Amino acid sequence: MTKTKISKETIIRTIVLGIALLNQILTMFGINPLPFSDEEVYTAGTTIVTAVAAIWAWWKNNSITPAAIEADQQLKQLKNNK
């Protein structure tokens, strides 16, 4: 019989889901388990989304000019020929 090991990612996702469910149940009963206002949570969420979008846009190659687009196509052809 082989041993199966649960990955740590699965354990983390399960714990996070459990915390989210507990938070939702407490909120349904009018208990605010987190010491944050709705506005603070919204502000933090939008800040995180904005930061991730900014980092993603910065990291990716965003060719806008016709010369840059043509250079990208030539680079792709060179990579495909190797």
PDB file of N, CA and C in Angstrom:
ATOM      1  N   MET A   1       0.841  -1.172   0.000  1.00  0.00           N
ATOM      2  CA  MET A   1       0.000   0.000   0.000  1.00  0.00           C
ATOM      3  C   MET A   1       0.888   1.238   0.000  1.00  0.00           C
ATOM      4  N   THR A   2       0.623   2.158  -0.940  1.00  0.00           N
ATOM      5  CA  THR A   2       1.439   3.361  -1.018  1.00  0.00           C
ATOM      6  C   THR A   2       0.860   4.454  -0.140  1.00  0.00           C
ATOM      7  N   LYS A   3       1.769   5.222   0.400  1.00  0.00           N
ATOM      8  CA  LYS A   3       1.336   6.353   1.220  1.00  0.00           C
ATOM      9  C   LYS A   3       1.011   7.537   0.313  1.00  0.00           C
ATOM     10  N   THR A   4      -0.109   8.150   0.576  1.00  0.00           N
ATOM     11  CA  THR A   4      -0.440   9.370  -0.137  1.00  0.00           C
ATOM     12  C   THR A   4      -0.267  10.531   0.818  1.00  0.00           C
ATOM     13  N   LYS A   5       0.336  11.568   0.302  1.00  0.00           N
ATOM     14  CA  LYS A   5       0.613  12.729   1.141  1.00  0.00           C
ATOM     15  C   LYS A   5      -0.186  13.916   0.622  1.00  0.00           C
ATOM     16  N   ILE A   6      -0.889  14.563   1.506  1.00  0.00           N
ATOM     17  CA  ILE A   6      -1.640  15.764   1.143  1.00  0.00           C
ATOM     18  C   ILE A   6      -0.637  16.901   1.004  1.00  0.00           C
ATOM     19  N   SER A   7      -0.741  17.627  -0.103  1.00  0.00           N
ATOM     20  CA  SER A   7       0.205  18.718  -0.333  1.00  0.00           C
ATOM     21  C   SER A   7      -0.062  19.866   0.632  1.00  0.00           C
ATOM     22  N   LYS A   8       0.984  20.628   0.914  1.00  0.00           N
ATOM     23  CA  LYS A   8       0.820  21.753   1.835  1.00  0.00           C
ATOM     24  C   LYS A   8      -0.087  22.823   1.232  1.00  0.00           C
ATOM     25  N   GLU A   9      -0.110  22.922  -0.113  1.00  0.00           N
ATOM     26  CA  GLU A   9      -1.009  23.883  -0.760  1.00  0.00           C
ATOM     27  C   GLU A   9      -2.468  23.527  -0.488  1.00  0.00           C
ATOM     28  N   THR A  10      -2.786  22.223  -0.518  1.00  0.00           N
ATOM     29  CA  THR A  10      -4.148  21.774  -0.224  1.00  0.00           C
ATOM     30  C   THR A  10      -4.522  22.089   1.208  1.00  0.00           C
ATOM     31  N   ILE A  11      -3.599  21.879   2.124  1.00  0.00           N
ATOM     32  CA  ILE A  11      -3.856  22.176   3.535  1.00  0.00           C
ATOM     33  C   ILE A  11      -4.085  23.668   3.726  1.00  0.00           C
ATOM     34  N   ILE A  12      -3.255  24.491   3.111  1.00  0.00           N
ATOM     35  CA  ILE A  12      -3.400  25.953   3.239  1.00  0.00           C
ATOM     36  C   ILE A  12      -4.733  26.414   2.669  1.00  0.00           C
ATOM     37  N   ARG A  13      -5.092  25.905   1.463  1.00  0.00           N
ATOM     38  CA  ARG A  13      -6.377  26.297   0.858  1.00  0.00           C
ATOM     39  C   ARG A  13      -7.539  25.884   1.740  1.00  0.00           C
ATOM     40  N   THR A  14      -7.460  24.709   2.353  1.00  0.00           N
ATOM     41  CA  THR A  14      -8.532  24.225   3.226  1.00  0.00           C
ATOM     42  C   THR A  14      -8.658  25.095   4.476  1.00  0.00           C
ATOM     43  N   ILE A  15      -7.535  25.488   5.048  1.00  0.00           N
ATOM     44  CA  ILE A  15      -7.551  26.359   6.232  1.00  0.00           C
ATOM     45  C   ILE A  15      -8.140  27.728   5.882  1.00  0.00           C
ATOM     46  N   VAL A  16      -7.700  28.292   4.755  1.00  0.00           N
ATOM     47  CA  VAL A  16      -8.224  29.603   4.336  1.00  0.00           C
ATOM     48  C   VAL A  16      -9.725  29.512   4.084  1.00  0.00           C
ATOM     49  N   LEU A  17     -10.178  28.446   3.443  1.00  0.00           N
ATOM     50  CA  LEU A  17     -11.611  28.260   3.206  1.00  0.00           C
ATOM     51  C   LEU A  17     -12.358  28.153   4.524  1.00  0.00           C
ATOM     52  N   GLY A  18     -11.817  27.398   5.479  1.00  0.00           N
ATOM     53  CA  GLY A  18     -12.457  27.267   6.787  1.00  0.00           C
ATOM     54  C   GLY A  18     -12.590  28.609   7.493  1.00  0.00           C
ATOM     55  N   ILE A  19     -11.538  29.410   7.443  1.00  0.00           N
ATOM     56  CA  ILE A  19     -11.581  30.741   8.070  1.00  0.00           C
ATOM     57  C   ILE A  19     -12.618  31.615   7.377  1.00  0.00           C
ATOM     58  N   ALA A  20     -12.655  31.571   6.040  1.00  0.00           N
ATOM     59  CA  ALA A  20     -13.631  32.377   5.297  1.00  0.00           C
ATOM     60  C   ALA A  20     -15.059  31.951   5.632  1.00  0.00           C
ATOM     61  N   LEU A  21     -15.285  30.638   5.708  1.00  0.00           N
ATOM     62  CA  LEU A  21     -16.625  30.155   6.056  1.00  0.00           C
ATOM     63  C   LEU A  21     -17.018  30.557   7.481  1.00  0.00           C
ATOM     64  N   LEU A  22     -16.099  30.430   8.418  1.00  0.00           N
ATOM     65  CA  LEU A  22     -16.368  30.841   9.798  1.00  0.00           C
ATOM     66  C   LEU A  22     -16.688  32.336   9.855  1.00  0.00           C
ATOM     67  N   ASN A  23     -15.910  33.131   9.138  1.00  0.00           N
ATOM     68  CA  ASN A  23     -16.152  34.572   9.090  1.00  0.00           C
ATOM     69  C   ASN A  23     -17.538  34.863   8.523  1.00  0.00           C
ATOM     70  N   GLN A  24     -17.928  34.157   7.466  1.00  0.00           N
ATOM     71  CA  GLN A  24     -19.235  34.384   6.848  1.00  0.00           C
ATOM     72  C   GLN A  24     -20.367  34.013   7.798  1.00  0.00           C
ATOM     73  N   ILE A  25     -20.220  32.900   8.473  1.00  0.00           N
ATOM     74  CA  ILE A  25     -21.265  32.460   9.427  1.00  0.00           C
ATOM     75  C   ILE A  25     -21.407  33.471  10.564  1.00  0.00           C
ATOM     76  N   LEU A  26     -20.284  33.920  11.122  1.00  0.00           N
ATOM     77  CA  LEU A  26     -20.348  34.912  12.203  1.00  0.00           C
ATOM     78  C   LEU A  26     -20.964  36.215  11.723  1.00  0.00           C
ATOM     79  N   THR A  27     -20.616  36.624  10.504  1.00  0.00           N
ATOM     80  CA  THR A  27     -21.180  37.853   9.950  1.00  0.00           C
ATOM     81  C   THR A  27     -22.688  37.722   9.760  1.00  0.00           C
ATOM     82  N   MET A  28     -23.160  36.538   9.352  1.00  0.00           N
ATOM     83  CA  MET A  28     -24.600  36.321   9.177  1.00  0.00           C
ATOM     84  C   MET A  28     -25.343  36.501  10.493  1.00  0.00           C
ATOM     85  N   PHE A  29     -24.698  36.186  11.602  1.00  0.00           N
ATOM     86  CA  PHE A  29     -25.326  36.319  12.918  1.00  0.00           C
ATOM     87  C   PHE A  29     -25.038  37.672  13.568  1.00  0.00           C
ATOM     88  N   GLY A  30     -24.495  38.611  12.792  1.00  0.00           N
ATOM     89  CA  GLY A  30     -24.276  39.965  13.284  1.00  0.00           C
ATOM     90  C   GLY A  30     -23.028  40.140  14.128  1.00  0.00           C
ATOM     91  N   ILE A  31     -22.158  39.173  14.087  1.00  0.00           N
ATOM     92  CA  ILE A  31     -20.902  39.274  14.840  1.00  0.00           C
ATOM     93  C   ILE A  31     -19.794  39.618  13.849  1.00  0.00           C
ATOM     94  N   ASN A  32     -19.100  40.711  14.097  1.00  0.00           N
ATOM     95  CA  ASN A  32     -18.010  41.107  13.216  1.00  0.00           C
ATOM     96  C   ASN A  32     -16.697  40.582  13.794  1.00  0.00           C
ATOM     97  N   PRO A  33     -16.211  39.430  13.287  1.00  0.00           N
ATOM     98  CA  PRO A  33     -15.015  38.823  13.871  1.00  0.00           C
ATOM     99  C   PRO A  33     -13.719  39.556  13.515  1.00  0.00           C
ATOM    100  N   LEU A  34     -13.751  40.344  12.475  1.00  0.00           N
ATOM    101  CA  LEU A  34     -12.550  41.073  12.066  1.00  0.00           C
ATOM    102  C   LEU A  34     -12.633  42.518  12.531  1.00  0.00           C
ATOM    103  N   PRO A  35     -11.553  43.033  13.062  1.00  0.00           N
ATOM    104  CA  PRO A  35     -11.593  44.407  13.589  1.00  0.00           C
ATOM    105  C   PRO A  35     -11.435  45.474  12.498  1.00  0.00           C
ATOM    106  N   PHE A  36     -12.043  45.246  11.330  1.00  0.00           N
ATOM    107  CA  PHE A  36     -11.937  46.197  10.231  1.00  0.00           C
ATOM    108  C   PHE A  36     -13.326  46.617   9.791  1.00  0.00           C
ATOM    109  N   SER A  37     -13.448  47.851   9.377  1.00  0.00           N
ATOM    110  CA  SER A  37     -14.729  48.310   8.839  1.00  0.00           C
ATOM    111  C   SER A  37     -14.836  47.862   7.387  1.00  0.00           C
ATOM    112  N   ASP A  38     -16.056  47.892   6.849  1.00  0.00           N
ATOM    113  CA  ASP A  38     -16.251  47.527   5.445  1.00  0.00           C
ATOM    114  C   ASP A  38     -15.427  48.420   4.530  1.00  0.00           C
ATOM    115  N   GLU A  39     -15.340  49.683   4.873  1.00  0.00           N
ATOM    116  CA  GLU A  39     -14.577  50.632   4.052  1.00  0.00           C
ATOM    117  C   GLU A  39     -13.088  50.282   4.053  1.00  0.00           C
ATOM    118  N   GLU A  40     -12.558  49.889   5.189  1.00  0.00           N
ATOM    119  CA  GLU A  40     -11.141  49.506   5.264  1.00  0.00           C
ATOM    120  C   GLU A  40     -10.858  48.246   4.446  1.00  0.00           C
ATOM    121  N   VAL A  41     -11.765  47.287   4.489  1.00  0.00           N
ATOM    122  CA  VAL A  41     -11.604  46.060   3.713  1.00  0.00           C
ATOM    123  C   VAL A  41     -11.666  46.379   2.221  1.00  0.00           C
ATOM    124  N   TYR A  42     -12.624  47.231   1.823  1.00  0.00           N
ATOM    125  CA  TYR A  42     -12.759  47.627   0.418  1.00  0.00           C
ATOM    126  C   TYR A  42     -11.502  48.348  -0.051  1.00  0.00           C
ATOM    127  N   THR A  43     -11.005  49.272   0.756  1.00  0.00           N
ATOM    128  CA  THR A  43      -9.801  50.023   0.394  1.00  0.00           C
ATOM    129  C   THR A  43      -8.604  49.095   0.254  1.00  0.00           C
ATOM    130  N   ALA A  44      -8.437  48.179   1.166  1.00  0.00           N
ATOM    131  CA  ALA A  44      -7.324  47.225   1.093  1.00  0.00           C
ATOM    132  C   ALA A  44      -7.452  46.345  -0.151  1.00  0.00           C
ATOM    133  N   GLY A  45      -8.652  45.885  -0.427  1.00  0.00           N
ATOM    134  CA  GLY A  45      -8.876  45.035  -1.608  1.00  0.00           C
ATOM    135  C   GLY A  45      -8.564  45.744  -2.909  1.00  0.00           C
ATOM    136  N   THR A  46      -9.056  46.968  -3.039  1.00  0.00           N
ATOM    137  CA  THR A  46      -8.789  47.707  -4.274  1.00  0.00           C
ATOM    138  C   THR A  46      -7.315  48.084  -4.393  1.00  0.00           C
ATOM    139  N   THR A  47      -6.660  48.335  -3.275  1.00  0.00           N
ATOM    140  CA  THR A  47      -5.229  48.633  -3.304  1.00  0.00           C
ATOM    141  C   THR A  47      -4.440  47.419  -3.779  1.00  0.00           C
ATOM    142  N   ILE A  48      -4.796  46.251  -3.295  1.00  0.00           N
ATOM    143  CA  ILE A  48      -4.113  45.020  -3.706  1.00  0.00           C
ATOM    144  C   ILE A  48      -4.333  44.753  -5.193  1.00  0.00           C
ATOM    145  N   VAL A  49      -5.569  44.895  -5.657  1.00  0.00           N
ATOM    146  CA  VAL A  49      -5.868  44.673  -7.072  1.00  0.00           C
ATOM    147  C   VAL A  49      -5.085  45.655  -7.941  1.00  0.00           C
ATOM    148  N   THR A  50      -5.045  46.919  -7.533  1.00  0.00           N
ATOM    149  CA  THR A  50      -4.309  47.928  -8.292  1.00  0.00           C
ATOM    150  C   THR A  50      -2.817  47.613  -8.330  1.00  0.00           C
ATOM    151  N   ALA A  51      -2.251  47.210  -7.202  1.00  0.00           N
ATOM    152  CA  ALA A  51      -0.822  46.883  -7.145  1.00  0.00           C
ATOM    153  C   ALA A  51      -0.502  45.684  -8.031  1.00  0.00           C
ATOM    154  N   VAL A  52      -1.335  44.639  -7.981  1.00  0.00           N
ATOM    155  CA  VAL A  52      -1.101  43.460  -8.818  1.00  0.00           C
ATOM    156  C   VAL A  52      -1.196  43.828 -10.297  1.00  0.00           C
ATOM    157  N   ALA A  53      -2.197  44.623 -10.669  1.00  0.00           N
ATOM    158  CA  ALA A  53      -2.349  45.042 -12.065  1.00  0.00           C
ATOM    159  C   ALA A  53      -1.159  45.882 -12.518  1.00  0.00           C
ATOM    160  N   ALA A  54      -0.674  46.757 -11.662  1.00  0.00           N
ATOM    161  CA  ALA A  54       0.467  47.597 -12.011  1.00  0.00           C
ATOM    162  C   ALA A  54       1.735  46.765 -12.200  1.00  0.00           C
ATOM    163  N   ILE A  55       1.960  45.819 -11.305  1.00  0.00           N
ATOM    164  CA  ILE A  55       3.151  44.967 -11.416  1.00  0.00           C
ATOM    165  C   ILE A  55       3.058  44.093 -12.666  1.00  0.00           C
ATOM    166  N   TRP A  56       1.881  43.562 -12.940  1.00  0.00           N
ATOM    167  CA  TRP A  56       1.695  42.716 -14.117  1.00  0.00           C
ATOM    168  C   TRP A  56       1.932  43.517 -15.395  1.00  0.00           C
ATOM    169  N   ALA A  57       1.358  44.718 -15.471  1.00  0.00           N
ATOM    170  CA  ALA A  57       1.536  45.566 -16.657  1.00  0.00           C
ATOM    171  C   ALA A  57       2.996  45.974 -16.822  1.00  0.00           C
ATOM    172  N   TRP A  58       3.677  46.232 -15.727  1.00  0.00           N
ATOM    173  CA  TRP A  58       5.082  46.619 -15.783  1.00  0.00           C
ATOM    174  C   TRP A  58       5.952  45.444 -16.220  1.00  0.00           C
ATOM    175  N   TRP A  59       5.637  44.244 -15.738  1.00  0.00           N
ATOM    176  CA  TRP A  59       6.463  43.069 -16.000  1.00  0.00           C
ATOM    177  C   TRP A  59       6.354  42.617 -17.457  1.00  0.00           C
ATOM    178  N   LYS A  60       5.153  42.667 -18.009  1.00  0.00           N
ATOM    179  CA  LYS A  60       4.925  42.195 -19.362  1.00  0.00           C
ATOM    180  C   LYS A  60       5.492  43.177 -20.380  1.00  0.00           C
ATOM    181  N   ASN A  61       5.865  42.636 -21.531  1.00  0.00           N
ATOM    182  CA  ASN A  61       6.357  43.462 -22.622  1.00  0.00           C
ATOM    183  C   ASN A  61       5.160  44.081 -23.332  1.00  0.00           C
ATOM    184  N   ASN A  62       4.987  45.375 -23.197  1.00  0.00           N
ATOM    185  CA  ASN A  62       3.849  46.067 -23.788  1.00  0.00           C
ATOM    186  C   ASN A  62       4.307  46.866 -24.999  1.00  0.00           C
ATOM    187  N   SER A  63       4.388  46.191 -26.132  1.00  0.00           N
ATOM    188  CA  SER A  63       4.812  46.854 -27.354  1.00  0.00           C
ATOM    189  C   SER A  63       3.646  47.651 -27.918  1.00  0.00           C
ATOM    190  N   ILE A  64       3.878  48.938 -28.110  1.00  0.00           N
ATOM    191  CA  ILE A  64       2.809  49.822 -28.589  1.00  0.00           C
ATOM    192  C   ILE A  64       3.132  50.370 -29.971  1.00  0.00           C
ATOM    193  N   THR A  65       4.365  50.761 -30.193  1.00  0.00           N
ATOM    194  CA  THR A  65       4.736  51.354 -31.478  1.00  0.00           C
ATOM    195  C   THR A  65       4.841  50.269 -32.551  1.00  0.00           C
ATOM    196  N   PRO A  66       4.631  50.649 -33.815  1.00  0.00           N
ATOM    197  CA  PRO A  66       4.760  49.657 -34.892  1.00  0.00           C
ATOM    198  C   PRO A  66       6.143  48.996 -34.927  1.00  0.00           C
ATOM    199  N   ALA A  67       7.195  49.761 -34.643  1.00  0.00           N
ATOM    200  CA  ALA A  67       8.547  49.197 -34.650  1.00  0.00           C
ATOM    201  C   ALA A  67       8.703  48.144 -33.551  1.00  0.00           C
ATOM    202  N   ALA A  68       8.156  48.405 -32.382  1.00  0.00           N
ATOM    203  CA  ALA A  68       8.252  47.448 -31.281  1.00  0.00           C
ATOM    204  C   ALA A  68       7.450  46.189 -31.584  1.00  0.00           C
ATOM    205  N   ILE A  69       6.286  46.339 -32.180  1.00  0.00           N
ATOM    206  CA  ILE A  69       5.462  45.189 -32.540  1.00  0.00           C
ATOM    207  C   ILE A  69       6.185  44.331 -33.577  1.00  0.00           C
ATOM    208  N   GLU A  70       6.808  44.974 -34.561  1.00  0.00           N
ATOM    209  CA  GLU A  70       7.571  44.244 -35.579  1.00  0.00           C
ATOM    210  C   GLU A  70       8.767  43.521 -34.945  1.00  0.00           C
ATOM    211  N   ALA A  71       9.432  44.175 -34.006  1.00  0.00           N
ATOM    212  CA  ALA A  71      10.565  43.551 -33.322  1.00  0.00           C
ATOM    213  C   ALA A  71      10.108  42.325 -32.538  1.00  0.00           C
ATOM    214  N   ASP A  72       8.939  42.394 -31.920  1.00  0.00           N
ATOM    215  CA  ASP A  72       8.398  41.240 -31.195  1.00  0.00           C
ATOM    216  C   ASP A  72       8.135  40.077 -32.141  1.00  0.00           C
ATOM    217  N   GLN A  73       7.604  40.391 -33.319  1.00  0.00           N
ATOM    218  CA  GLN A  73       7.321  39.340 -34.298  1.00  0.00           C
ATOM    219  C   GLN A  73       8.620  38.686 -34.777  1.00  0.00           C
ATOM    220  N   GLN A  74       9.650  39.492 -35.014  1.00  0.00           N
ATOM    221  CA  GLN A  74      10.939  38.951 -35.441  1.00  0.00           C
ATOM    222  C   GLN A  74      11.557  38.089 -34.335  1.00  0.00           C
ATOM    223  N   LEU A  75      11.458  38.536 -33.101  1.00  0.00           N
ATOM    224  CA  LEU A  75      11.979  37.762 -31.978  1.00  0.00           C
ATOM    225  C   LEU A  75      11.251  36.423 -31.858  1.00  0.00           C
ATOM    226  N   LYS A  76       9.932  36.439 -32.049  1.00  0.00           N
ATOM    227  CA  LYS A  76       9.145  35.206 -31.978  1.00  0.00           C
ATOM    228  C   LYS A  76       9.586  34.243 -33.068  1.00  0.00           C
ATOM    229  N   GLN A  77       9.835  34.764 -34.278  1.00  0.00           N
ATOM    230  CA  GLN A  77      10.296  33.916 -35.376  1.00  0.00           C
ATOM    231  C   GLN A  77      11.668  33.311 -35.059  1.00  0.00           C
ATOM    232  N   LEU A  78      12.560  34.121 -34.488  1.00  0.00           N
ATOM    233  CA  LEU A  78      13.877  33.619 -34.124  1.00  0.00           C
ATOM    234  C   LEU A  78      13.780  32.508 -33.081  1.00  0.00           C
ATOM    235  N   LYS A  79      12.920  32.677 -32.096  1.00  0.00           N
ATOM    236  CA  LYS A  79      12.749  31.662 -31.068  1.00  0.00           C
ATOM    237  C   LYS A  79      12.153  30.379 -31.640  1.00  0.00           C
ATOM    238  N   ASN A  80      11.244  30.494 -32.601  1.00  0.00           N
ATOM    239  CA  ASN A  80      10.615  29.329 -33.200  1.00  0.00           C
ATOM    240  C   ASN A  80      11.589  28.549 -34.085  1.00  0.00           C
ATOM    241  N   ASN A  81      12.579  29.231 -34.656  1.00  0.00           N
ATOM    242  CA  ASN A  81      13.553  28.579 -35.530  1.00  0.00           C
ATOM    243  C   ASN A  81      14.593  27.792 -34.765  1.00  0.00           C
ATOM    244  N   LYS A  82      14.744  28.040 -33.473  1.00  0.00           N
ATOM    245  CA  LYS A  82      15.767  27.336 -32.697  1.00  0.00           C
ATOM    246  C   LYS A  82      15.346  25.966 -32.325  1.00  0.00           C
TER     247      LYS A  82
END
